[in-house]
Amino acid sequence: MSADNLLQHLDKVKRTGQGRWMACCPAHADKSASLSIRELDDGRVLLHCFASCSVEEVLGAVGLTFDALYPPRDDSAQFKKGEKRPFPAADILRAIAFESTLVLIAAADLLAGNPFNETDRARLALACSRIQAGLTAGGISNV
């Protein structure tokens, strides 16, 4: 499969580079793009939801299975060693930058004496979760 089969099931798809896209995750109520999609040269498709949805949840939400992420098997081909960091640092940093901007806005509101409502608290918690997911995707563990 090429990434096109998956991309046609997603909302707010934006190309971020050669073989790379960001989209709204279909596995949760996503208002901004938190799903990173990458198609490798060998035809494999990689997914990562920065809101911590599993690949199974993402695929299930659009009616696909894991085999949809791999090209047809060629038994004569040699398997290549997998990549350690399947998402480029620039994609991860863009996602973290967006979420950290939301944290900054929340901090400014709090300092101005504006109390948070439940929606604000939930969005701030989601931003923190997405920042952690981005760090994890970049291979950085939380100390």
C-alpha atoms as a PDB file:
ATOM      1  CA  MET A   1       0.000   0.000   0.000  1.00  0.00           C
ATOM      2  CA  SER A   2       1.086   3.519  -0.511  1.00  0.00           C
ATOM      3  CA  ALA A   3       0.252   6.184   2.031  1.00  0.00           C
ATOM      4  CA  ASP A   4      -2.473   7.416  -0.340  1.00  0.00           C
ATOM      5  CA  ASN A   5      -4.821   4.636   0.793  1.00  0.00           C
ATOM      6  CA  LEU A   6      -4.554   5.832   4.395  1.00  0.00           C
ATOM      7  CA  LEU A   7      -4.497   9.562   3.594  1.00  0.00           C
ATOM      8  CA  GLN A   8      -7.861   9.399   1.807  1.00  0.00           C
ATOM      9  CA  HIS A   9      -9.452   8.402   5.149  1.00  0.00           C
ATOM     10  CA  LEU A  10      -7.975  11.346   7.117  1.00  0.00           C
ATOM     11  CA  ASP A  11      -8.993  14.968   7.694  1.00  0.00           C
ATOM     12  CA  LYS A  12      -6.897  18.126   7.401  1.00  0.00           C
ATOM     13  CA  VAL A  13      -4.034  16.338   5.644  1.00  0.00           C
ATOM     14  CA  LYS A  14      -1.017  18.583   5.097  1.00  0.00           C
ATOM     15  CA  ARG A  15       2.130  17.532   3.260  1.00  0.00           C
ATOM     16  CA  THR A  16       5.186  18.397   5.373  1.00  0.00           C
ATOM     17  CA  GLY A  17       7.867  17.038   3.079  1.00  0.00           C
ATOM     18  CA  GLN A  18       8.731  14.274   0.639  1.00  0.00           C
ATOM     19  CA  GLY A  19       6.671  11.265   1.743  1.00  0.00           C
ATOM     20  CA  ARG A  20       5.570  13.015   4.970  1.00  0.00           C
ATOM     21  CA  TRP A  21       2.213  14.345   6.141  1.00  0.00           C
ATOM     22  CA  MET A  22       0.409  15.585   9.250  1.00  0.00           C
ATOM     23  CA  ALA A  23      -3.338  15.031   9.714  1.00  0.00           C
ATOM     24  CA  CYS A  24      -6.052  14.943  12.338  1.00  0.00           C
ATOM     25  CA  CYS A  25      -6.025  11.626  14.146  1.00  0.00           C
ATOM     26  CA  PRO A  26      -9.250   9.695  13.508  1.00  0.00           C
ATOM     27  CA  ALA A  27      -8.902   7.785  16.805  1.00  0.00           C
ATOM     28  CA  HIS A  28      -9.699  10.773  19.039  1.00  0.00           C
ATOM     29  CA  ALA A  29     -11.503  14.118  18.840  1.00  0.00           C
ATOM     30  CA  ASP A  30      -8.663  15.914  17.116  1.00  0.00           C
ATOM     31  CA  LYS A  31      -9.097  19.557  16.114  1.00  0.00           C
ATOM     32  CA  SER A  32      -5.496  20.125  15.044  1.00  0.00           C
ATOM     33  CA  ALA A  33      -3.159  17.751  13.278  1.00  0.00           C
ATOM     34  CA  SER A  34      -1.499  15.371  15.726  1.00  0.00           C
ATOM     35  CA  LEU A  35      -1.006  12.350  13.464  1.00  0.00           C
ATOM     36  CA  SER A  36       2.305  12.088  11.655  1.00  0.00           C
ATOM     37  CA  ILE A  37       2.468   9.859   8.579  1.00  0.00           C
ATOM     38  CA  ARG A  38       5.627   8.881   6.742  1.00  0.00           C
ATOM     39  CA  GLU A  39       6.057   6.668   3.703  1.00  0.00           C
ATOM     40  CA  LEU A  40       9.504   5.094   3.467  1.00  0.00           C
ATOM     41  CA  ASP A  41      11.322   4.410   0.214  1.00  0.00           C
ATOM     42  CA  ASP A  42      10.583   0.685   0.545  1.00  0.00           C
ATOM     43  CA  GLY A  43       6.809   1.339   0.709  1.00  0.00           C
ATOM     44  CA  ARG A  44       6.272   0.939   4.450  1.00  0.00           C
ATOM     45  CA  VAL A  45       4.008   3.515   6.082  1.00  0.00           C
ATOM     46  CA  LEU A  46       4.796   4.756   9.592  1.00  0.00           C
ATOM     47  CA  LEU A  47       2.272   6.428  11.900  1.00  0.00           C
ATOM     48  CA  HIS A  48       2.628   8.317  15.153  1.00  0.00           C
ATOM     49  CA  CYS A  49      -0.124  10.109  17.065  1.00  0.00           C
ATOM     50  CA  PHE A  50       1.317  12.773  19.354  1.00  0.00           C
ATOM     51  CA  ALA A  51      -1.794  12.430  21.541  1.00  0.00           C
ATOM     52  CA  SER A  52      -0.701   8.834  22.319  1.00  0.00           C
ATOM     53  CA  CYS A  53      -3.287   6.933  20.265  1.00  0.00           C
ATOM     54  CA  SER A  54      -1.925   3.521  19.310  1.00  0.00           C
ATOM     55  CA  VAL A  55      -1.418   2.509  15.690  1.00  0.00           C
ATOM     56  CA  GLU A  56      -4.155  -0.103  16.210  1.00  0.00           C
ATOM     57  CA  GLU A  57      -6.592   2.613  17.331  1.00  0.00           C
ATOM     58  CA  VAL A  58      -5.735   4.843  14.368  1.00  0.00           C
ATOM     59  CA  LEU A  59      -6.068   2.038  11.821  1.00  0.00           C
ATOM     60  CA  GLY A  60      -9.246   0.695  13.431  1.00  0.00           C
ATOM     61  CA  ALA A  61     -10.855   4.132  13.262  1.00  0.00           C
ATOM     62  CA  VAL A  62     -10.528   4.108   9.458  1.00  0.00           C
ATOM     63  CA  GLY A  63     -11.232   0.389   8.966  1.00  0.00           C
ATOM     64  CA  LEU A  64      -7.691  -0.699   8.085  1.00  0.00           C
ATOM     65  CA  THR A  65      -5.350  -3.335   9.545  1.00  0.00           C
ATOM     66  CA  PHE A  66      -1.582  -3.510  10.040  1.00  0.00           C
ATOM     67  CA  ASP A  67      -1.016  -5.182   6.684  1.00  0.00           C
ATOM     68  CA  ALA A  68      -2.172  -1.934   5.068  1.00  0.00           C
ATOM     69  CA  LEU A  69       1.056  -0.303   6.303  1.00  0.00           C
ATOM     70  CA  TYR A  70       3.342  -2.653   4.378  1.00  0.00           C
ATOM     71  CA  PRO A  71       3.953  -3.176   0.676  1.00  0.00           C
ATOM     72  CA  PRO A  72       3.120  -6.586  -0.810  1.00  0.00           C
ATOM     73  CA  ARG A  73       5.653  -9.086   0.487  1.00  0.00           C
ATOM     74  CA  ASP A  74       8.465 -10.094  -1.834  1.00  0.00           C
ATOM     75  CA  ASP A  75      10.114 -13.189  -0.375  1.00  0.00           C
ATOM     76  CA  SER A  76      13.173 -12.731  -2.567  1.00  0.00           C
ATOM     77  CA  ALA A  77      13.940  -9.291  -1.161  1.00  0.00           C
ATOM     78  CA  GLN A  78      16.396  -8.874   1.678  1.00  0.00           C
ATOM     79  CA  PHE A  79      14.959  -7.136   4.723  1.00  0.00           C
ATOM     80  CA  LYS A  80      16.684  -3.897   5.610  1.00  0.00           C
ATOM     81  CA  LYS A  81      17.538  -2.907   9.144  1.00  0.00           C
ATOM     82  CA  GLY A  82      14.788  -0.742  10.641  1.00  0.00           C
ATOM     83  CA  GLU A  83      15.206   2.935  11.346  1.00  0.00           C
ATOM     84  CA  LYS A  84      15.768   4.086  14.916  1.00  0.00           C
ATOM     85  CA  ARG A  85      14.103   7.491  14.487  1.00  0.00           C
ATOM     86  CA  PRO A  86      11.346   7.180  11.885  1.00  0.00           C
ATOM     87  CA  PHE A  87      10.162  10.782  12.344  1.00  0.00           C
ATOM     88  CA  PRO A  88      12.382  13.699  11.390  1.00  0.00           C
ATOM     89  CA  ALA A  89      13.358  16.000  14.212  1.00  0.00           C
ATOM     90  CA  ALA A  90      11.809  18.948  12.347  1.00  0.00           C
ATOM     91  CA  ASP A  91       8.341  17.310  12.405  1.00  0.00           C
ATOM     92  CA  ILE A  92       8.646  16.563  16.114  1.00  0.00           C
ATOM     93  CA  LEU A  93       9.873  20.078  16.905  1.00  0.00           C
ATOM     94  CA  ARG A  94       7.003  21.655  14.931  1.00  0.00           C
ATOM     95  CA  ALA A  95       4.455  19.648  16.924  1.00  0.00           C
ATOM     96  CA  ILE A  96       6.144  20.473  20.244  1.00  0.00           C
ATOM     97  CA  ALA A  97       6.398  24.171  19.295  1.00  0.00           C
ATOM     98  CA  PHE A  98       2.663  24.343  18.604  1.00  0.00           C
ATOM     99  CA  GLU A  99       1.750  22.684  21.900  1.00  0.00           C
ATOM    100  CA  SER A 100       4.248  24.783  23.886  1.00  0.00           C
ATOM    101  CA  THR A 101       2.638  27.930  22.434  1.00  0.00           C
ATOM    102  CA  LEU A 102      -0.665  26.767  23.916  1.00  0.00           C
ATOM    103  CA  VAL A 103       1.047  26.258  27.290  1.00  0.00           C
ATOM    104  CA  LEU A 104       2.479  29.796  27.059  1.00  0.00           C
ATOM    105  CA  ILE A 105      -0.965  31.249  26.325  1.00  0.00           C
ATOM    106  CA  ALA A 106      -2.422  29.330  29.271  1.00  0.00           C
ATOM    107  CA  ALA A 107       0.332  30.611  31.582  1.00  0.00           C
ATOM    108  CA  ALA A 108      -0.274  34.204  30.454  1.00  0.00           C
ATOM    109  CA  ASP A 109      -4.021  33.837  31.105  1.00  0.00           C
ATOM    110  CA  LEU A 110      -3.343  32.408  34.552  1.00  0.00           C
ATOM    111  CA  LEU A 111      -0.917  35.233  35.405  1.00  0.00           C
ATOM    112  CA  ALA A 112      -3.540  37.747  34.255  1.00  0.00           C
ATOM    113  CA  GLY A 113      -5.939  36.275  36.824  1.00  0.00           C
ATOM    114  CA  ASN A 114      -8.172  34.485  34.329  1.00  0.00           C
ATOM    115  CA  PRO A 115      -9.298  31.173  35.834  1.00  0.00           C
ATOM    116  CA  PHE A 116      -9.284  28.007  33.718  1.00  0.00           C
ATOM    117  CA  ASN A 117     -12.538  26.277  32.930  1.00  0.00           C
ATOM    118  CA  GLU A 118     -12.735  22.498  32.463  1.00  0.00           C
ATOM    119  CA  THR A 119     -12.186  22.780  28.681  1.00  0.00           C
ATOM    120  CA  ASP A 120      -9.047  24.893  29.236  1.00  0.00           C
ATOM    121  CA  ARG A 121      -7.674  22.398  31.772  1.00  0.00           C
ATOM    122  CA  ALA A 122      -8.363  19.474  29.454  1.00  0.00           C
ATOM    123  CA  ARG A 123      -6.624  21.212  26.514  1.00  0.00           C
ATOM    124  CA  LEU A 124      -3.619  22.100  28.675  1.00  0.00           C
ATOM    125  CA  ALA A 125      -3.356  18.462  29.817  1.00  0.00           C
ATOM    126  CA  LEU A 126      -3.548  17.352  26.166  1.00  0.00           C
ATOM    127  CA  ALA A 127      -0.770  19.808  25.228  1.00  0.00           C
ATOM    128  CA  CYS A 128       1.452  18.379  27.977  1.00  0.00           C
ATOM    129  CA  SER A 129       0.689  14.839  26.822  1.00  0.00           C
ATOM    130  CA  ARG A 130       1.538  15.721  23.219  1.00  0.00           C
ATOM    131  CA  ILE A 131       4.808  17.358  24.253  1.00  0.00           C
ATOM    132  CA  GLN A 132       5.759  14.177  26.156  1.00  0.00           C
ATOM    133  CA  ALA A 133       4.799  12.034  23.146  1.00  0.00           C
ATOM    134  CA  GLY A 134       6.981  14.212  20.922  1.00  0.00           C
ATOM    135  CA  LEU A 135       9.943  13.822  23.259  1.00  0.00           C
ATOM    136  CA  THR A 136       9.419  10.069  23.321  1.00  0.00           C
ATOM    137  CA  ALA A 137       9.183   9.910  19.518  1.00  0.00           C
ATOM    138  CA  GLY A 138      12.464  11.836  19.392  1.00  0.00           C
ATOM    139  CA  GLY A 139      14.127   9.290  21.661  1.00  0.00           C
ATOM    140  CA  ILE A 140      14.257  11.572  24.693  1.00  0.00           C
ATOM    141  CA  SER A 141      13.118  10.060  27.957  1.00  0.00           C
ATOM    142  CA  ASN A 142      11.502  12.166  30.654  1.00  0.00           C
ATOM    143  CA  VAL A 143      13.793  12.566  33.660  1.00  0.00           C
END
